[in-house]
């Protein structure tokens, strides 16, 4: 469970412009999420622009990590949960 607003030495979502994952890949910091189905429900951010940026970041991150992450698995509410 997470608010999806990372605040660590590598990411400060509320303060930084989020970028592509190539640097993370080169540094070996991407998780191996093959075989994992990921869901993000109710992620918030301080502004509409940041909401879009955070969603874009997580979509790219899960894709780069190999997770099964579908468009319908990200939203304000979980409409359908087939697990």
PDB file of N, CA and C in Angstrom:
ATOM      1  N   UNK A   1       0.849  -1.170   0.000  1.00  0.00           N
ATOM      2  CA  UNK A   1       0.000   0.000   0.000  1.00  0.00           C
ATOM      3  C   UNK A   1       0.899   1.239   0.000  1.00  0.00           C
ATOM      4  N   UNK A   2       0.522   2.214  -0.803  1.00  0.00           N
ATOM      5  CA  UNK A   2       1.333   3.420  -0.939  1.00  0.00           C
ATOM      6  C   UNK A   2       0.465   4.554  -1.477  1.00  0.00           C
ATOM      7  N   UNK A   3       0.856   5.784  -1.183  1.00  0.00           N
ATOM      8  CA  UNK A   3       0.198   6.928  -1.806  1.00  0.00           C
ATOM      9  C   UNK A   3       0.789   7.207  -3.181  1.00  0.00           C
ATOM     10  N   UNK A   4       1.818   6.442  -3.574  1.00  0.00           N
ATOM     11  CA  UNK A   4       2.501   6.513  -4.860  1.00  0.00           C
ATOM     12  C   UNK A   4       3.334   7.776  -5.042  1.00  0.00           C
ATOM     13  N   UNK A   5       3.543   8.529  -3.974  1.00  0.00           N
ATOM     14  CA  UNK A   5       4.391   9.723  -4.012  1.00  0.00           C
ATOM     15  C   UNK A   5       5.697   9.406  -3.297  1.00  0.00           C
ATOM     16  N   UNK A   6       6.626   8.853  -4.039  1.00  0.00           N
ATOM     17  CA  UNK A   6       7.918   8.415  -3.499  1.00  0.00           C
ATOM     18  C   UNK A   6       8.710   9.608  -2.959  1.00  0.00           C
ATOM     19  N   UNK A   7       9.317   9.429  -1.805  1.00  0.00           N
ATOM     20  CA  UNK A   7      10.203  10.433  -1.230  1.00  0.00           C
ATOM     21  C   UNK A   7      11.406   9.693  -0.662  1.00  0.00           C
ATOM     22  N   UNK A   8      12.451   9.577  -1.482  1.00  0.00           N
ATOM     23  CA  UNK A   8      13.646   8.830  -1.099  1.00  0.00           C
ATOM     24  C   UNK A   8      14.861   9.542  -1.667  1.00  0.00           C
ATOM     25  N   UNK A   9      16.025   8.944  -1.483  1.00  0.00           N
ATOM     26  CA  UNK A   9      17.230   9.578  -2.028  1.00  0.00           C
ATOM     27  C   UNK A   9      17.226   9.590  -3.551  1.00  0.00           C
ATOM     28  N   UNK A  10      16.455   8.696  -4.185  1.00  0.00           N
ATOM     29  CA  UNK A  10      16.420   8.630  -5.648  1.00  0.00           C
ATOM     30  C   UNK A  10      15.283   9.450  -6.253  1.00  0.00           C
ATOM     31  N   UNK A  11      14.169   9.563  -5.528  1.00  0.00           N
ATOM     32  CA  UNK A  11      13.004  10.280  -6.046  1.00  0.00           C
ATOM     33  C   UNK A  11      12.398  11.158  -4.960  1.00  0.00           C
ATOM     34  N   UNK A  12      12.062  12.363  -5.333  1.00  0.00           N
ATOM     35  CA  UNK A  12      11.282  13.253  -4.482  1.00  0.00           C
ATOM     36  C   UNK A  12      10.132  13.759  -5.347  1.00  0.00           C
ATOM     37  N   UNK A  13       9.075  12.960  -5.444  1.00  0.00           N
ATOM     38  CA  UNK A  13       7.999  13.215  -6.396  1.00  0.00           C
ATOM     39  C   UNK A  13       7.385  14.605  -6.262  1.00  0.00           C
ATOM     40  N   UNK A  14       7.219  15.089  -5.065  1.00  0.00           N
ATOM     41  CA  UNK A  14       6.546  16.373  -4.899  1.00  0.00           C
ATOM     42  C   UNK A  14       7.444  17.551  -5.265  1.00  0.00           C
ATOM     43  N   UNK A  15       8.756  17.328  -5.361  1.00  0.00           N
ATOM     44  CA  UNK A  15       9.687  18.428  -5.634  1.00  0.00           C
ATOM     45  C   UNK A  15      10.336  18.364  -7.010  1.00  0.00           C
ATOM     46  N   UNK A  16      10.435  17.179  -7.598  1.00  0.00           N
ATOM     47  CA  UNK A  16      11.170  17.021  -8.849  1.00  0.00           C
ATOM     48  C   UNK A  16      10.256  16.728 -10.031  1.00  0.00           C
ATOM     49  N   UNK A  17      10.728  17.065 -11.199  1.00  0.00           N
ATOM     50  CA  UNK A  17      10.072  16.651 -12.441  1.00  0.00           C
ATOM     51  C   UNK A  17      10.455  15.197 -12.674  1.00  0.00           C
ATOM     52  N   UNK A  18       9.468  14.341 -12.819  1.00  0.00           N
ATOM     53  CA  UNK A  18       9.734  12.912 -12.995  1.00  0.00           C
ATOM     54  C   UNK A  18      10.166  12.641 -14.427  1.00  0.00           C
ATOM     55  N   UNK A  19      11.152  11.763 -14.579  1.00  0.00           N
ATOM     56  CA  UNK A  19      11.728  11.509 -15.892  1.00  0.00           C
ATOM     57  C   UNK A  19      11.680  10.027 -16.240  1.00  0.00           C
ATOM     58  N   UNK A  20      12.232   9.699 -17.392  1.00  0.00           N
ATOM     59  CA  UNK A  20      12.244   8.325 -17.899  1.00  0.00           C
ATOM     60  C   UNK A  20      13.049   7.399 -16.989  1.00  0.00           C
ATOM     61  N   UNK A  21      12.940   6.116 -17.227  1.00  0.00           N
ATOM     62  CA  UNK A  21      13.512   5.097 -16.349  1.00  0.00           C
ATOM     63  C   UNK A  21      14.852   4.554 -16.826  1.00  0.00           C
ATOM     64  N   UNK A  22      15.409   5.130 -17.870  1.00  0.00           N
ATOM     65  CA  UNK A  22      16.664   4.594 -18.407  1.00  0.00           C
ATOM     66  C   UNK A  22      17.804   4.664 -17.393  1.00  0.00           C
ATOM     67  N   UNK A  23      17.888   5.759 -16.636  1.00  0.00           N
ATOM     68  CA  UNK A  23      18.941   5.871 -15.612  1.00  0.00           C
ATOM     69  C   UNK A  23      18.771   4.800 -14.547  1.00  0.00           C
ATOM     70  N   UNK A  24      17.541   4.504 -14.175  1.00  0.00           N
ATOM     71  CA  UNK A  24      17.272   3.461 -13.188  1.00  0.00           C
ATOM     72  C   UNK A  24      17.678   2.093 -13.729  1.00  0.00           C
ATOM     73  N   UNK A  25      17.390   1.869 -14.988  1.00  0.00           N
ATOM     74  CA  UNK A  25      17.764   0.593 -15.621  1.00  0.00           C
ATOM     75  C   UNK A  25      19.284   0.436 -15.620  1.00  0.00           C
ATOM     76  N   UNK A  26      20.002   1.479 -16.033  1.00  0.00           N
ATOM     77  CA  UNK A  26      21.472   1.418 -16.070  1.00  0.00           C
ATOM     78  C   UNK A  26      22.065   1.209 -14.684  1.00  0.00           C
ATOM     79  N   UNK A  27      21.447   1.786 -13.662  1.00  0.00           N
ATOM     80  CA  UNK A  27      21.954   1.673 -12.292  1.00  0.00           C
ATOM     81  C   UNK A  27      21.523   0.361 -11.622  1.00  0.00           C
ATOM     82  N   UNK A  28      20.710  -0.437 -12.321  1.00  0.00           N
ATOM     83  CA  UNK A  28      20.268  -1.713 -11.758  1.00  0.00           C
ATOM     84  C   UNK A  28      19.261  -1.561 -10.633  1.00  0.00           C
ATOM     85  N   UNK A  29      18.480  -0.465 -10.654  1.00  0.00           N
ATOM     86  CA  UNK A  29      17.526  -0.220  -9.577  1.00  0.00           C
ATOM     87  C   UNK A  29      16.090  -0.559  -9.940  1.00  0.00           C
ATOM     88  N   UNK A  30      15.857  -1.211 -11.071  1.00  0.00           N
ATOM     89  CA  UNK A  30      14.491  -1.606 -11.424  1.00  0.00           C
ATOM     90  C   UNK A  30      14.184  -2.971 -10.830  1.00  0.00           C
ATOM     91  N   UNK A  31      13.035  -3.093 -10.222  1.00  0.00           N
ATOM     92  CA  UNK A  31      12.603  -4.374  -9.670  1.00  0.00           C
ATOM     93  C   UNK A  31      12.226  -5.326 -10.799  1.00  0.00           C
ATOM     94  N   UNK A  32      12.386  -6.618 -10.581  1.00  0.00           N
ATOM     95  CA  UNK A  32      11.917  -7.625 -11.538  1.00  0.00           C
ATOM     96  C   UNK A  32      10.480  -7.964 -11.163  1.00  0.00           C
ATOM     97  N   UNK A  33       9.533  -7.429 -11.914  1.00  0.00           N
ATOM     98  CA  UNK A  33       8.119  -7.638 -11.614  1.00  0.00           C
ATOM     99  C   UNK A  33       7.437  -8.531 -12.648  1.00  0.00           C
ATOM    100  N   UNK A  34       8.211  -9.321 -13.380  1.00  0.00           N
ATOM    101  CA  UNK A  34       7.613 -10.274 -14.313  1.00  0.00           C
ATOM    102  C   UNK A  34       6.735 -11.240 -13.515  1.00  0.00           C
ATOM    103  N   UNK A  35       5.524 -11.472 -14.006  1.00  0.00           N
ATOM    104  CA  UNK A  35       4.593 -12.358 -13.318  1.00  0.00           C
ATOM    105  C   UNK A  35       3.757 -11.660 -12.255  1.00  0.00           C
ATOM    106  N   UNK A  36       3.952 -10.347 -12.071  1.00  0.00           N
ATOM    107  CA  UNK A  36       3.202  -9.580 -11.077  1.00  0.00           C
ATOM    108  C   UNK A  36       2.162  -8.726 -11.785  1.00  0.00           C
ATOM    109  N   UNK A  37       0.917  -8.764 -11.312  1.00  0.00           N
ATOM    110  CA  UNK A  37      -0.112  -7.854 -11.825  1.00  0.00           C
ATOM    111  C   UNK A  37      -0.233  -6.710 -10.840  1.00  0.00           C
ATOM    112  N   UNK A  38       0.039  -5.491 -11.291  1.00  0.00           N
ATOM    113  CA  UNK A  38       0.056  -4.316 -10.423  1.00  0.00           C
ATOM    114  C   UNK A  38      -1.228  -3.503 -10.583  1.00  0.00           C
ATOM    115  N   UNK A  39      -1.668  -2.923  -9.474  1.00  0.00           N
ATOM    116  CA  UNK A  39      -2.832  -2.044  -9.430  1.00  0.00           C
ATOM    117  C   UNK A  39      -2.461  -0.788  -8.664  1.00  0.00           C
ATOM    118  N   UNK A  40      -2.951   0.371  -9.115  1.00  0.00           N
ATOM    119  CA  UNK A  40      -2.808   1.625  -8.387  1.00  0.00           C
ATOM    120  C   UNK A  40      -4.202   2.212  -8.261  1.00  0.00           C
ATOM    121  N   UNK A  41      -4.667   2.339  -7.015  1.00  0.00           N
ATOM    122  CA  UNK A  41      -6.011   2.833  -6.759  1.00  0.00           C
ATOM    123  C   UNK A  41      -5.936   4.013  -5.795  1.00  0.00           C
ATOM    124  N   UNK A  42      -6.410   5.163  -6.229  1.00  0.00           N
ATOM    125  CA  UNK A  42      -6.522   6.316  -5.351  1.00  0.00           C
ATOM    126  C   UNK A  42      -5.259   7.125  -5.160  1.00  0.00           C
ATOM    127  N   UNK A  43      -4.290   7.043  -6.058  1.00  0.00           N
ATOM    128  CA  UNK A  43      -3.071   7.855  -5.927  1.00  0.00           C
ATOM    129  C   UNK A  43      -3.431   9.337  -6.035  1.00  0.00           C
ATOM    130  N   UNK A  44      -2.836  10.137  -5.185  1.00  0.00           N
ATOM    131  CA  UNK A  44      -3.106  11.576  -5.165  1.00  0.00           C
ATOM    132  C   UNK A  44      -1.821  12.361  -5.363  1.00  0.00           C
ATOM    133  N   UNK A  45      -1.972  13.612  -5.730  1.00  0.00           N
ATOM    134  CA  UNK A  45      -0.829  14.516  -5.873  1.00  0.00           C
ATOM    135  C   UNK A  45      -1.334  15.936  -5.627  1.00  0.00           C
ATOM    136  N   UNK A  46      -0.426  16.881  -5.367  1.00  0.00           N
ATOM    137  CA  UNK A  46      -0.836  18.237  -4.989  1.00  0.00           C
ATOM    138  C   UNK A  46      -1.465  19.087  -6.098  1.00  0.00           C
ATOM    139  N   UNK A  47      -1.343  18.681  -7.361  1.00  0.00           N
ATOM    140  CA  UNK A  47      -1.926  19.463  -8.461  1.00  0.00           C
ATOM    141  C   UNK A  47      -2.330  18.525  -9.594  1.00  0.00           C
ATOM    142  N   UNK A  48      -3.179  19.013 -10.486  1.00  0.00           N
ATOM    143  CA  UNK A  48      -3.607  18.205 -11.639  1.00  0.00           C
ATOM    144  C   UNK A  48      -2.422  17.812 -12.509  1.00  0.00           C
ATOM    145  N   UNK A  49      -1.503  18.759 -12.740  1.00  0.00           N
ATOM    146  CA  UNK A  49      -0.317  18.451 -13.547  1.00  0.00           C
ATOM    147  C   UNK A  49       0.520  17.350 -12.903  1.00  0.00           C
ATOM    148  N   UNK A  50       0.674  17.396 -11.592  1.00  0.00           N
ATOM    149  CA  UNK A  50       1.471  16.392 -10.884  1.00  0.00           C
ATOM    150  C   UNK A  50       0.757  15.041 -10.890  1.00  0.00           C
ATOM    151  N   UNK A  51      -0.573  15.032 -10.838  1.00  0.00           N
ATOM    152  CA  UNK A  51      -1.338  13.775 -10.923  1.00  0.00           C
ATOM    153  C   UNK A  51      -1.001  13.067 -12.231  1.00  0.00           C
ATOM    154  N   UNK A  52      -1.008  13.806 -13.330  1.00  0.00           N
ATOM    155  CA  UNK A  52      -0.696  13.247 -14.647  1.00  0.00           C
ATOM    156  C   UNK A  52       0.750  12.770 -14.693  1.00  0.00           C
ATOM    157  N   UNK A  53       1.658  13.549 -14.144  1.00  0.00           N
ATOM    158  CA  UNK A  53       3.076  13.196 -14.127  1.00  0.00           C
ATOM    159  C   UNK A  53       3.327  11.926 -13.314  1.00  0.00           C
ATOM    160  N   UNK A  54       2.680  11.813 -12.149  1.00  0.00           N
ATOM    161  CA  UNK A  54       2.848  10.633 -11.289  1.00  0.00           C
ATOM    162  C   UNK A  54       2.300   9.388 -11.985  1.00  0.00           C
ATOM    163  N   UNK A  55       1.118   9.509 -12.598  1.00  0.00           N
ATOM    164  CA  UNK A  55       0.553   8.366 -13.315  1.00  0.00           C
ATOM    165  C   UNK A  55       1.472   7.935 -14.447  1.00  0.00           C
ATOM    166  N   UNK A  56       1.977   8.883 -15.213  1.00  0.00           N
ATOM    167  CA  UNK A  56       2.876   8.560 -16.314  1.00  0.00           C
ATOM    168  C   UNK A  56       4.134   7.858 -15.801  1.00  0.00           C
ATOM    169  N   UNK A  57       4.683   8.357 -14.686  1.00  0.00           N
ATOM    170  CA  UNK A  57       5.861   7.729 -14.106  1.00  0.00           C
ATOM    171  C   UNK A  57       5.583   6.272 -13.761  1.00  0.00           C
ATOM    172  N   UNK A  58       4.495   6.000 -13.036  1.00  0.00           N
ATOM    173  CA  UNK A  58       4.229   4.627 -12.589  1.00  0.00           C
ATOM    174  C   UNK A  58       3.906   3.706 -13.753  1.00  0.00           C
ATOM    175  N   UNK A  59       3.195   4.210 -14.750  1.00  0.00           N
ATOM    176  CA  UNK A  59       2.943   3.371 -15.938  1.00  0.00           C
ATOM    177  C   UNK A  59       4.272   2.964 -16.573  1.00  0.00           C
ATOM    178  N   UNK A  60       5.166   3.925 -16.766  1.00  0.00           N
ATOM    179  CA  UNK A  60       6.473   3.635 -17.358  1.00  0.00           C
ATOM    180  C   UNK A  60       7.314   2.730 -16.480  1.00  0.00           C
ATOM    181  N   UNK A  61       7.265   2.949 -15.177  1.00  0.00           N
ATOM    182  CA  UNK A  61       8.049   2.132 -14.248  1.00  0.00           C
ATOM    183  C   UNK A  61       7.586   0.677 -14.287  1.00  0.00           C
ATOM    184  N   UNK A  62       6.286   0.464 -14.160  1.00  0.00           N
ATOM    185  CA  UNK A  62       5.788  -0.912 -14.171  1.00  0.00           C
ATOM    186  C   UNK A  62       6.072  -1.599 -15.505  1.00  0.00           C
ATOM    187  N   UNK A  63       5.959  -0.868 -16.599  1.00  0.00           N
ATOM    188  CA  UNK A  63       6.291  -1.434 -17.910  1.00  0.00           C
ATOM    189  C   UNK A  63       7.769  -1.805 -17.975  1.00  0.00           C
ATOM    190  N   UNK A  64       8.645  -0.906 -17.524  1.00  0.00           N
ATOM    191  CA  UNK A  64      10.086  -1.163 -17.554  1.00  0.00           C
ATOM    192  C   UNK A  64      10.467  -2.358 -16.678  1.00  0.00           C
ATOM    193  N   UNK A  65       9.702  -2.589 -15.616  1.00  0.00           N
ATOM    194  CA  UNK A  65       9.977  -3.701 -14.693  1.00  0.00           C
ATOM    195  C   UNK A  65       9.362  -5.022 -15.153  1.00  0.00           C
ATOM    196  N   UNK A  66       8.540  -4.979 -16.197  1.00  0.00           N
ATOM    197  CA  UNK A  66       7.947  -6.201 -16.722  1.00  0.00           C
ATOM    198  C   UNK A  66       6.648  -6.612 -16.062  1.00  0.00           C
ATOM    199  N   UNK A  67       6.035  -5.725 -15.283  1.00  0.00           N
ATOM    200  CA  UNK A  67       4.778  -6.051 -14.608  1.00  0.00           C
ATOM    201  C   UNK A  67       3.621  -6.093 -15.606  1.00  0.00           C
ATOM    202  N   UNK A  68       2.609  -6.862 -15.274  1.00  0.00           N
ATOM    203  CA  UNK A  68       1.342  -6.844 -16.000  1.00  0.00           C
ATOM    204  C   UNK A  68       0.557  -5.671 -15.429  1.00  0.00           C
ATOM    205  N   UNK A  69       0.581  -4.562 -16.142  1.00  0.00           N
ATOM    206  CA  UNK A  69      -0.059  -3.338 -15.658  1.00  0.00           C
ATOM    207  C   UNK A  69      -0.900  -2.764 -16.776  1.00  0.00           C
ATOM    208  N   UNK A  70      -2.186  -2.940 -16.668  1.00  0.00           N
ATOM    209  CA  UNK A  70      -3.125  -2.513 -17.714  1.00  0.00           C
ATOM    210  C   UNK A  70      -3.682  -1.137 -17.413  1.00  0.00           C
ATOM    211  N   UNK A  71      -4.139  -0.462 -18.441  1.00  0.00           N
ATOM    212  CA  UNK A  71      -4.688   0.891 -18.289  1.00  0.00           C
ATOM    213  C   UNK A  71      -5.792   0.922 -17.232  1.00  0.00           C
ATOM    214  N   UNK A  72      -6.649  -0.075 -17.220  1.00  0.00           N
ATOM    215  CA  UNK A  72      -7.759  -0.101 -16.271  1.00  0.00           C
ATOM    216  C   UNK A  72      -7.319  -0.410 -14.831  1.00  0.00           C
ATOM    217  N   UNK A  73      -6.043  -0.714 -14.639  1.00  0.00           N
ATOM    218  CA  UNK A  73      -5.528  -1.006 -13.296  1.00  0.00           C
ATOM    219  C   UNK A  73      -5.031   0.246 -12.571  1.00  0.00           C
ATOM    220  N   UNK A  74      -5.253   1.428 -13.139  1.00  0.00           N
ATOM    221  CA  UNK A  74      -4.847   2.690 -12.514  1.00  0.00           C
ATOM    222  C   UNK A  74      -6.049   3.609 -12.478  1.00  0.00           C
ATOM    223  N   UNK A  75      -6.439   4.038 -11.311  1.00  0.00           N
ATOM    224  CA  UNK A  75      -7.570   4.949 -11.239  1.00  0.00           C
ATOM    225  C   UNK A  75      -7.918   5.363  -9.827  1.00  0.00           C
ATOM    226  N   UNK A  76      -8.969   6.171  -9.729  1.00  0.00           N
ATOM    227  CA  UNK A  76      -9.418   6.669  -8.435  1.00  0.00           C
ATOM    228  C   UNK A  76     -10.155   5.597  -7.640  1.00  0.00           C
ATOM    229  N   UNK A  77     -10.702   4.619  -8.344  1.00  0.00           N
ATOM    230  CA  UNK A  77     -11.419   3.521  -7.688  1.00  0.00           C
ATOM    231  C   UNK A  77     -11.187   2.241  -8.477  1.00  0.00           C
ATOM    232  N   UNK A  78     -11.268   1.145  -7.798  1.00  0.00           N
ATOM    233  CA  UNK A  78     -11.118  -0.163  -8.451  1.00  0.00           C
ATOM    234  C   UNK A  78     -12.500  -0.615  -8.898  1.00  0.00           C
ATOM    235  N   UNK A  79     -12.726  -0.567 -10.209  1.00  0.00           N
ATOM    236  CA  UNK A  79     -14.029  -0.901 -10.764  1.00  0.00           C
ATOM    237  C   UNK A  79     -14.215  -2.396 -10.846  1.00  0.00           C
ATOM    238  N   UNK A  80     -13.174  -3.108 -11.249  1.00  0.00           N
ATOM    239  CA  UNK A  80     -13.258  -4.558 -11.417  1.00  0.00           C
ATOM    240  C   UNK A  80     -11.948  -5.185 -10.947  1.00  0.00           C
ATOM    241  N   UNK A  81     -12.049  -6.144 -10.063  1.00  0.00           N
ATOM    242  CA  UNK A  81     -10.875  -6.826  -9.551  1.00  0.00           C
ATOM    243  C   UNK A  81     -11.090  -8.320  -9.769  1.00  0.00           C
ATOM    244  N   UNK A  82     -10.402  -8.873 -10.758  1.00  0.00           N
ATOM    245  CA  UNK A  82     -10.652 -10.257 -11.191  1.00  0.00           C
ATOM    246  C   UNK A  82      -9.789 -11.280 -10.470  1.00  0.00           C
ATOM    247  N   UNK A  83      -9.064 -10.901  -9.466  1.00  0.00           N
ATOM    248  CA  UNK A  83      -8.167 -11.847  -8.793  1.00  0.00           C
ATOM    249  C   UNK A  83      -8.914 -12.667  -7.781  1.00  0.00           C
TER     250      UNK A  83
END
